PDB file of N, CA and C in Angstrom:
ATOM      1  N   MET A   1      17.348  -7.068   3.728  1.00  0.00           N
ATOM      2  CA  MET A   1      15.644  -6.538   4.279  1.00  0.00           C
ATOM      3  C   MET A   1      15.044  -5.606   3.033  1.00  0.00           C
ATOM      4  N   GLY A   2      13.749  -6.737   3.180  1.00  0.00           N
ATOM      5  CA  GLY A   2      13.005  -6.527   2.050  1.00  0.00           C
ATOM      6  C   GLY A   2      12.377  -5.226   2.260  1.00  0.00           C
ATOM      7  N   LEU A   3      10.783  -5.087   1.733  1.00  0.00           N
ATOM      8  CA  LEU A   3      10.555  -3.743   1.554  1.00  0.00           C
ATOM      9  C   LEU A   3       8.947  -4.231   2.595  1.00  0.00           C
ATOM     10  N   ALA A   4       8.939  -5.916   2.880  1.00  0.00           N
ATOM     11  CA  ALA A   4       7.885  -6.446   3.862  1.00  0.00           C
ATOM     12  C   ALA A   4       8.212  -6.186   4.702  1.00  0.00           C
ATOM     13  N   GLU A   5       9.825  -5.956   5.449  1.00  0.00           N
ATOM     14  CA  GLU A   5       9.897  -6.728   7.152  1.00  0.00           C
ATOM     15  C   GLU A   5      10.477  -5.780   7.466  1.00  0.00           C
ATOM     16  N   THR A   6       9.547  -4.743   7.506  1.00  0.00           N
ATOM     17  CA  THR A   6       9.567  -2.619   7.702  1.00  0.00           C
ATOM     18  C   THR A   6       8.604  -2.317   8.087  1.00  0.00           C
ATOM     19  N   PRO A   7       8.094  -1.386   8.998  1.00  0.00           N
ATOM     20  CA  PRO A   7       6.926  -0.666   8.671  1.00  0.00           C
ATOM     21  C   PRO A   7       7.301   0.592   7.810  1.00  0.00           C
ATOM     22  N   LEU A   8       8.308   0.542   7.445  1.00  0.00           N
ATOM     23  CA  LEU A   8       8.633   2.124   6.766  1.00  0.00           C
ATOM     24  C   LEU A   8       7.900   2.509   4.762  1.00  0.00           C
ATOM     25  N   PRO A   9       8.131   1.327   4.469  1.00  0.00           N
ATOM     26  CA  PRO A   9       7.145   1.433   3.584  1.00  0.00           C
ATOM     27  C   PRO A   9       5.870   1.314   3.302  1.00  0.00           C
ATOM     28  N   TYR A  10       5.156   1.620   4.579  1.00  0.00           N
ATOM     29  CA  TYR A  10       3.762   1.282   4.501  1.00  0.00           C
ATOM     30  C   TYR A  10       3.094   2.618   5.073  1.00  0.00           C
ATOM     31  N   ALA A  11       3.754   3.543   6.056  1.00  0.00           N
ATOM     32  CA  ALA A  11       3.999   4.713   6.443  1.00  0.00           C
ATOM     33  C   ALA A  11       4.168   5.376   5.592  1.00  0.00           C
ATOM     34  N   VAL A  12       5.798   5.236   3.991  1.00  0.00           N
ATOM     35  CA  VAL A  12       5.034   6.183   3.735  1.00  0.00           C
ATOM     36  C   VAL A  12       5.000   6.232   3.050  1.00  0.00           C
ATOM     37  N   SER A  13       3.907   4.984   2.050  1.00  0.00           N
ATOM     38  CA  SER A  13       2.975   5.547   0.912  1.00  0.00           C
ATOM     39  C   SER A  13       2.066   5.586   1.255  1.00  0.00           C
ATOM     40  N   VAL A  14       1.143   5.314   3.093  1.00  0.00           N
ATOM     41  CA  VAL A  14       0.284   6.244   3.478  1.00  0.00           C
ATOM     42  C   VAL A  14       0.440   7.350   3.379  1.00  0.00           C
ATOM     43  N   LEU A  15       1.885   7.937   3.984  1.00  0.00           N
ATOM     44  CA  LEU A  15       1.268   9.690   3.515  1.00  0.00           C
ATOM     45  C   LEU A  15       1.868  10.195   2.056  1.00  0.00           C
ATOM     46  N   GLY A  16       2.197   9.516   1.443  1.00  0.00           N
ATOM     47  CA  GLY A  16       2.349   9.974  -0.047  1.00  0.00           C
ATOM     48  C   GLY A  16       1.199  10.200  -0.630  1.00  0.00           C
ATOM     49  N   VAL A  17       0.779   9.091  -0.387  1.00  0.00           N
ATOM     50  CA  VAL A  17      -1.029   9.160  -0.525  1.00  0.00           C
ATOM     51  C   VAL A  17      -1.924  10.144  -0.034  1.00  0.00           C
ATOM     52  N   VAL A  18      -1.457  10.397   1.679  1.00  0.00           N
ATOM     53  CA  VAL A  18      -2.070  11.516   2.031  1.00  0.00           C
ATOM     54  C   VAL A  18      -1.971  12.721   1.285  1.00  0.00           C
ATOM     55  N   VAL A  19      -0.788  12.855   0.953  1.00  0.00           N
ATOM     56  CA  VAL A  19       0.071  14.870   1.255  1.00  0.00           C
ATOM     57  C   VAL A  19      -0.302  14.216  -1.269  1.00  0.00           C
ATOM     58  N   GLY A  20      -0.388  13.615  -1.667  1.00  0.00           N
ATOM     59  CA  GLY A  20      -0.639  13.727  -2.820  1.00  0.00           C
ATOM     60  C   GLY A  20      -2.339  14.114  -3.213  1.00  0.00           C
ATOM     61  N   LEU A  21      -3.058  13.353  -2.477  1.00  0.00           N
ATOM     62  CA  LEU A  21      -4.603  14.222  -2.845  1.00  0.00           C
ATOM     63  C   LEU A  21      -4.534  14.850  -2.186  1.00  0.00           C
ATOM     64  N   ALA A  22      -3.477  15.788  -0.935  1.00  0.00           N
ATOM     65  CA  ALA A  22      -3.812  17.177  -0.795  1.00  0.00           C
ATOM     66  C   ALA A  22      -3.422  17.696  -1.718  1.00  0.00           C
ATOM     67  N   ILE A  23      -2.927  17.350  -2.197  1.00  0.00           N
ATOM     68  CA  ILE A  23      -2.012  18.466  -3.156  1.00  0.00           C
ATOM     69  C   ILE A  23      -2.890  18.860  -4.741  1.00  0.00           C
ATOM     70  N   LEU A  24      -3.741  17.266  -4.861  1.00  0.00           N
ATOM     71  CA  LEU A  24      -4.651  17.448  -5.526  1.00  0.00           C
ATOM     72  C   LEU A  24      -6.073  17.874  -5.673  1.00  0.00           C
ATOM     73  N   LEU A  25      -6.304  18.357  -4.199  1.00  0.00           N
ATOM     74  CA  LEU A  25      -7.989  18.704  -4.043  1.00  0.00           C
ATOM     75  C   LEU A  25      -7.527  20.167  -3.663  1.00  0.00           C
ATOM     76  N   VAL A  26      -6.216  20.816  -3.393  1.00  0.00           N
ATOM     77  CA  VAL A  26      -5.951  22.202  -3.144  1.00  0.00           C
ATOM     78  C   VAL A  26      -5.550  22.911  -3.880  1.00  0.00           C
ATOM     79  N   GLY A  27      -5.221  21.788  -5.750  1.00  0.00           N
ATOM     80  CA  GLY A  27      -4.997  22.686  -6.295  1.00  0.00           C
ATOM     81  C   GLY A  27      -5.997  22.808  -6.806  1.00  0.00           C
ATOM     82  N   GLU A  28      -6.872  21.701  -7.211  1.00  0.00           N
ATOM     83  CA  GLU A  28      -7.649  21.633  -7.627  1.00  0.00           C
ATOM     84  C   GLU A  28      -9.011  22.598  -7.357  1.00  0.00           C
ATOM     85  N   ALA A  29      -9.569  23.471  -6.138  1.00  0.00           N
ATOM     86  CA  ALA A  29     -10.107  24.103  -5.255  1.00  0.00           C
ATOM     87  C   ALA A  29      -9.695  25.227  -5.850  1.00  0.00           C
ATOM     88  N   LEU A  30      -8.383  25.891  -5.848  1.00  0.00           N
ATOM     89  CA  LEU A  30      -8.438  26.962  -6.311  1.00  0.00           C
ATOM     90  C   LEU A  30      -7.681  27.349  -7.489  1.00  0.00           C
ATOM     91  N   GLY A  31      -7.833  26.172  -8.454  1.00  0.00           N
ATOM     92  CA  GLY A  31      -7.806  26.221 -10.275  1.00  0.00           C
ATOM     93  C   GLY A  31      -6.517  27.207 -10.137  1.00  0.00           C
ATOM     94  N   ALA A  32      -5.725  26.432  -9.264  1.00  0.00           N
ATOM     95  CA  ALA A  32      -4.094  25.993  -9.691  1.00  0.00           C
ATOM     96  C   ALA A  32      -3.588  25.719 -11.222  1.00  0.00           C
ATOM     97  N   ALA A  33      -2.837  26.176 -11.683  1.00  0.00           N
ATOM     98  CA  ALA A  33      -2.291  24.849 -12.621  1.00  0.00           C
ATOM     99  C   ALA A  33      -2.488  23.789 -12.571  1.00  0.00           C
ATOM    100  N   ASP A  34      -2.361  22.772 -13.991  1.00  0.00           N
ATOM    101  CA  ASP A  34      -2.937  21.847 -14.351  1.00  0.00           C
ATOM    102  C   ASP A  34      -1.421  20.836 -13.963  1.00  0.00           C
ATOM    103  N   ALA A  35      -0.570  21.097 -13.832  1.00  0.00           N
ATOM    104  CA  ALA A  35       0.442  20.465 -13.244  1.00  0.00           C
ATOM    105  C   ALA A  35       0.448  20.120 -11.687  1.00  0.00           C
ATOM    106  N   VAL A  36      -0.068  21.275 -11.541  1.00  0.00           N
ATOM    107  CA  VAL A  36      -0.197  20.800  -9.371  1.00  0.00           C
ATOM    108  C   VAL A  36      -0.904  20.018  -9.526  1.00  0.00           C
ATOM    109  N   VAL A  37      -2.188  20.015 -10.435  1.00  0.00           N
ATOM    110  CA  VAL A  37      -3.146  19.049  -9.430  1.00  0.00           C
ATOM    111  C   VAL A  37      -2.433  17.400 -10.566  1.00  0.00           C
ATOM    112  N   VAL A  38      -1.395  17.621 -11.732  1.00  0.00           N
ATOM    113  CA  VAL A  38      -1.288  16.247 -12.369  1.00  0.00           C
ATOM    114  C   VAL A  38      -0.131  15.947 -11.478  1.00  0.00           C
ATOM    115  N   GLY A  39       0.742  17.030 -10.432  1.00  0.00           N
ATOM    116  CA  GLY A  39       1.725  16.132 -10.121  1.00  0.00           C
ATOM    117  C   GLY A  39       1.133  15.945  -8.538  1.00  0.00           C
ATOM    118  N   GLY A  40       0.564  16.466  -7.667  1.00  0.00           N
ATOM    119  CA  GLY A  40      -0.306  15.679  -6.885  1.00  0.00           C
ATOM    120  C   GLY A  40      -1.147  14.324  -6.581  1.00  0.00           C
ATOM    121  N   GLY A  41      -1.159  14.153  -8.582  1.00  0.00           N
ATOM    122  CA  GLY A  41      -2.043  12.751  -8.407  1.00  0.00           C
ATOM    123  C   GLY A  41      -0.802  11.326  -8.709  1.00  0.00           C
ATOM    124  N   VAL A  42       0.787  11.955  -9.034  1.00  0.00           N
ATOM    125  CA  VAL A  42       1.554  11.647  -9.278  1.00  0.00           C
ATOM    126  C   VAL A  42       2.555  11.124  -8.486  1.00  0.00           C
ATOM    127  N   VAL A  43       1.885  11.800  -7.361  1.00  0.00           N
ATOM    128  CA  VAL A  43       2.368  10.899  -6.053  1.00  0.00           C
ATOM    129  C   VAL A  43       1.759  10.199  -5.559  1.00  0.00           C
ATOM    130  N   VAL A  44      -0.070  10.266  -5.604  1.00  0.00           N
ATOM    131  CA  VAL A  44      -0.948  10.028  -4.871  1.00  0.00           C
ATOM    132  C   VAL A  44      -0.894   8.681  -5.434  1.00  0.00           C
ATOM    133  N   LEU A  45       0.197   8.644  -7.230  1.00  0.00           N
ATOM    134  CA  LEU A  45       0.046   6.726  -7.807  1.00  0.00           C
ATOM    135  C   LEU A  45       1.629   6.345  -7.563  1.00  0.00           C
ATOM    136  N   VAL A  46       1.996   7.294  -6.712  1.00  0.00           N
ATOM    137  CA  VAL A  46       3.513   6.491  -6.617  1.00  0.00           C
ATOM    138  C   VAL A  46       3.081   5.941  -5.191  1.00  0.00           C
ATOM    139  N   GLY A  47       2.864   6.334  -4.083  1.00  0.00           N
ATOM    140  CA  GLY A  47       2.202   6.085  -2.979  1.00  0.00           C
ATOM    141  C   GLY A  47       1.478   4.761  -3.404  1.00  0.00           C
ATOM    142  N   VAL A  48       1.252   4.124  -4.288  1.00  0.00           N
ATOM    143  CA  VAL A  48       0.162   3.156  -4.498  1.00  0.00           C
ATOM    144  C   VAL A  48       1.156   1.989  -5.082  1.00  0.00           C
ATOM    145  N   GLY A  49       1.992   2.640  -5.819  1.00  0.00           N
ATOM    146  CA  GLY A  49       2.743   1.886  -6.066  1.00  0.00           C
ATOM    147  C   GLY A  49       4.136   1.264  -5.593  1.00  0.00           C
ATOM    148  N   VAL A  50       4.304   2.278  -4.271  1.00  0.00           N
ATOM    149  CA  VAL A  50       4.462   1.929  -3.425  1.00  0.00           C
ATOM    150  C   VAL A  50       4.513   0.332  -2.048  1.00  0.00           C
ATOM    151  N   LEU A  51       3.047   0.645  -2.119  1.00  0.00           N
ATOM    152  CA  LEU A  51       2.171   0.437  -1.247  1.00  0.00           C
ATOM    153  C   LEU A  51       1.851  -1.445  -1.713  1.00  0.00           C
ATOM    154  N   THR A  52       1.889  -1.184  -3.634  1.00  0.00           N
ATOM    155  CA  THR A  52       1.603  -2.703  -3.832  1.00  0.00           C
ATOM    156  C   THR A  52       3.034  -3.317  -3.387  1.00  0.00           C
ATOM    157  N   ALA A  53       3.666  -2.524  -3.948  1.00  0.00           N
ATOM    158  CA  ALA A  53       5.239  -3.483  -4.133  1.00  0.00           C
ATOM    159  C   ALA A  53       5.480  -3.881  -2.734  1.00  0.00           C
ATOM    160  N   ALA A  54       5.009  -3.219  -1.403  1.00  0.00           N
ATOM    161  CA  ALA A  54       5.400  -3.515  -0.052  1.00  0.00           C
ATOM    162  C   ALA A  54       4.531  -5.214   0.001  1.00  0.00           C
ATOM    163  N   VAL A  55       3.584  -4.849  -0.031  1.00  0.00           N
ATOM    164  CA  VAL A  55       1.897  -5.806  -0.488  1.00  0.00           C
ATOM    165  C   VAL A  55       2.771  -7.237  -1.225  1.00  0.00           C
ATOM    166  N   ALA A  56       3.566  -7.179  -2.188  1.00  0.00           N
ATOM    167  CA  ALA A  56       3.869  -8.152  -2.376  1.00  0.00           C
ATOM    168  C   ALA A  56       5.091  -8.447  -2.240  1.00  0.00           C
ATOM    169  N   MET A  57       5.902  -8.428  -1.604  1.00  0.00           N
ATOM    170  CA  MET A  57       7.079  -8.529  -1.191  1.00  0.00           C
ATOM    171  C   MET A  57       6.798  -9.987  -0.001  1.00  0.00           C
ATOM    172  N   HIS A  58       5.205  -9.680   0.840  1.00  0.00           N
ATOM    173  CA  HIS A  58       5.076 -10.499   1.740  1.00  0.00           C
ATOM    174  C   HIS A  58       5.572 -11.811   1.181  1.00  0.00           C
ATOM    175  N   PRO A  59       5.817 -12.932   1.923  1.00  0.00           N
ATOM    176  CA  PRO A  59       6.268 -14.463   1.794  1.00  0.00           C
ATOM    177  C   PRO A  59       4.690 -15.027   2.167  1.00  0.00           C
ATOM    178  N   ALA A  60       4.736 -15.716   0.525  1.00  0.00           N
ATOM    179  CA  ALA A  60       4.172 -17.046   0.814  1.00  0.00           C
ATOM    180  C   ALA A  60       3.183 -17.918   1.783  1.00  0.00           C
ATOM    181  N   PRO A  61       2.569 -17.871   2.903  1.00  0.00           N
ATOM    182  CA  PRO A  61       2.094 -18.710   4.003  1.00  0.00           C
ATOM    183  C   PRO A  61       2.194 -20.232   3.717  1.00  0.00           C
ATOM    184  N   ASP A  62       3.219 -20.715   4.418  1.00  0.00           N
ATOM    185  CA  ASP A  62       3.925 -21.725   4.543  1.00  0.00           C
ATOM    186  C   ASP A  62       2.593 -22.907   4.254  1.00  0.00           C
ATOM    187  N   GLU A  63       2.427 -23.925   3.109  1.00  0.00           N
ATOM    188  CA  GLU A  63       1.247 -24.631   2.712  1.00  0.00           C
ATOM    189  C   GLU A  63       1.081 -25.452   3.991  1.00  0.00           C
ATOM    190  N   ALA A  64       2.580 -26.496   4.350  1.00  0.00           N
ATOM    191  CA  ALA A  64       2.656 -27.322   5.309  1.00  0.00           C
ATOM    192  C   ALA A  64       1.631 -26.761   6.358  1.00  0.00           C
ATOM    193  N   ALA A  65       1.685 -25.797   6.679  1.00  0.00           N
ATOM    194  CA  ALA A  65       1.280 -25.287   8.478  1.00  0.00           C
ATOM    195  C   ALA A  65      -0.445 -25.002   7.380  1.00  0.00           C
ATOM    196  N   GLU A  66      -0.717 -24.447   6.644  1.00  0.00           N
ATOM    197  CA  GLU A  66      -2.187 -24.111   6.201  1.00  0.00           C
ATOM    198  C   GLU A  66      -2.559 -25.633   5.952  1.00  0.00           C
ATOM    199  N   GLU A  67      -1.891 -26.152   5.470  1.00  0.00           N
ATOM    200  CA  GLU A  67      -2.315 -27.568   5.246  1.00  0.00           C
ATOM    201  C   GLU A  67      -2.636 -28.723   7.033  1.00  0.00           C
ATOM    202  N   GLY A  68      -2.089 -28.714   7.873  1.00  0.00           N
ATOM    203  CA  GLY A  68      -2.443 -28.543   9.322  1.00  0.00           C
ATOM    204  C   GLY A  68      -3.162 -28.377  10.015  1.00  0.00           C
ATOM    205  N   HIS A  69      -3.568 -26.472   9.892  1.00  0.00           N
ATOM    206  CA  HIS A  69      -4.246 -25.755  10.413  1.00  0.00           C
ATOM    207  C   HIS A  69      -5.639 -26.473   9.846  1.00  0.00           C
ATOM    208  N   SER A  70      -5.707 -26.663   8.491  1.00  0.00           N
ATOM    209  CA  SER A  70      -6.953 -27.084   7.841  1.00  0.00           C
ATOM    210  C   SER A  70      -7.272 -28.346   8.722  1.00  0.00           C
ATOM    211  N   ALA A  71      -6.676 -29.360   8.464  1.00  0.00           N
ATOM    212  CA  ALA A  71      -6.686 -30.684   9.213  1.00  0.00           C
ATOM    213  C   ALA A  71      -7.165 -30.782  10.293  1.00  0.00           C
ATOM    214  N   GLN A  72      -6.757 -29.670  11.200  1.00  0.00           N
ATOM    215  CA  GLN A  72      -6.779 -29.657  12.996  1.00  0.00           C
ATOM    216  C   GLN A  72      -8.455 -29.644  12.823  1.00  0.00           C
ATOM    217  N   GLU A  73      -8.914 -28.874  11.827  1.00  0.00           N
ATOM    218  CA  GLU A  73     -10.318 -28.072  11.964  1.00  0.00           C
ATOM    219  C   GLU A  73     -11.217 -28.920  11.637  1.00  0.00           C
ATOM    220  N   SER A  74     -11.261 -30.128  10.519  1.00  0.00           N
ATOM    221  CA  SER A  74     -11.893 -30.891  10.149  1.00  0.00           C
ATOM    222  C   SER A  74     -11.515 -32.095  10.403  1.00  0.00           C
ATOM    223  N   THR A  75     -11.399 -31.763  11.987  1.00  0.00           N
ATOM    224  CA  THR A  75     -11.257 -33.616  13.128  1.00  0.00           C
ATOM    225  C   THR A  75     -12.201 -33.416  13.795  1.00  0.00           C
ATOM    226  N   PRO A  76     -13.127 -34.497  14.034  1.00  0.00           N
ATOM    227  CA  PRO A  76     -13.968 -34.502  14.444  1.00  0.00           C
ATOM    228  C   PRO A  76     -14.156 -34.522  15.642  1.00  0.00           C
ATOM    229  N   ARG A  77     -14.500 -34.047  17.067  1.00  0.00           N
ATOM    230  CA  ARG A  77     -14.143 -33.763  18.268  1.00  0.00           C
ATOM    231  C   ARG A  77     -15.722 -35.136  18.891  1.00  0.00           C
TER     232      ARG A  77
END
């Protein structure tokens, strides 16, 4: 079972991006230590990386199906 077969990686990555941005923005607004802001940025980057990996794992569309579909569209009626 790969990353693209379940919705879990997408949910985790979106949650990671939202939580990371919240940490980053709150840390910046409160004038917290730079480590808090950097930590939030790292969480965001990990979330984007997981999302990228999940999307990259999607199988390529079947070329035969694409050719058949385009041939049907170009056929005059």
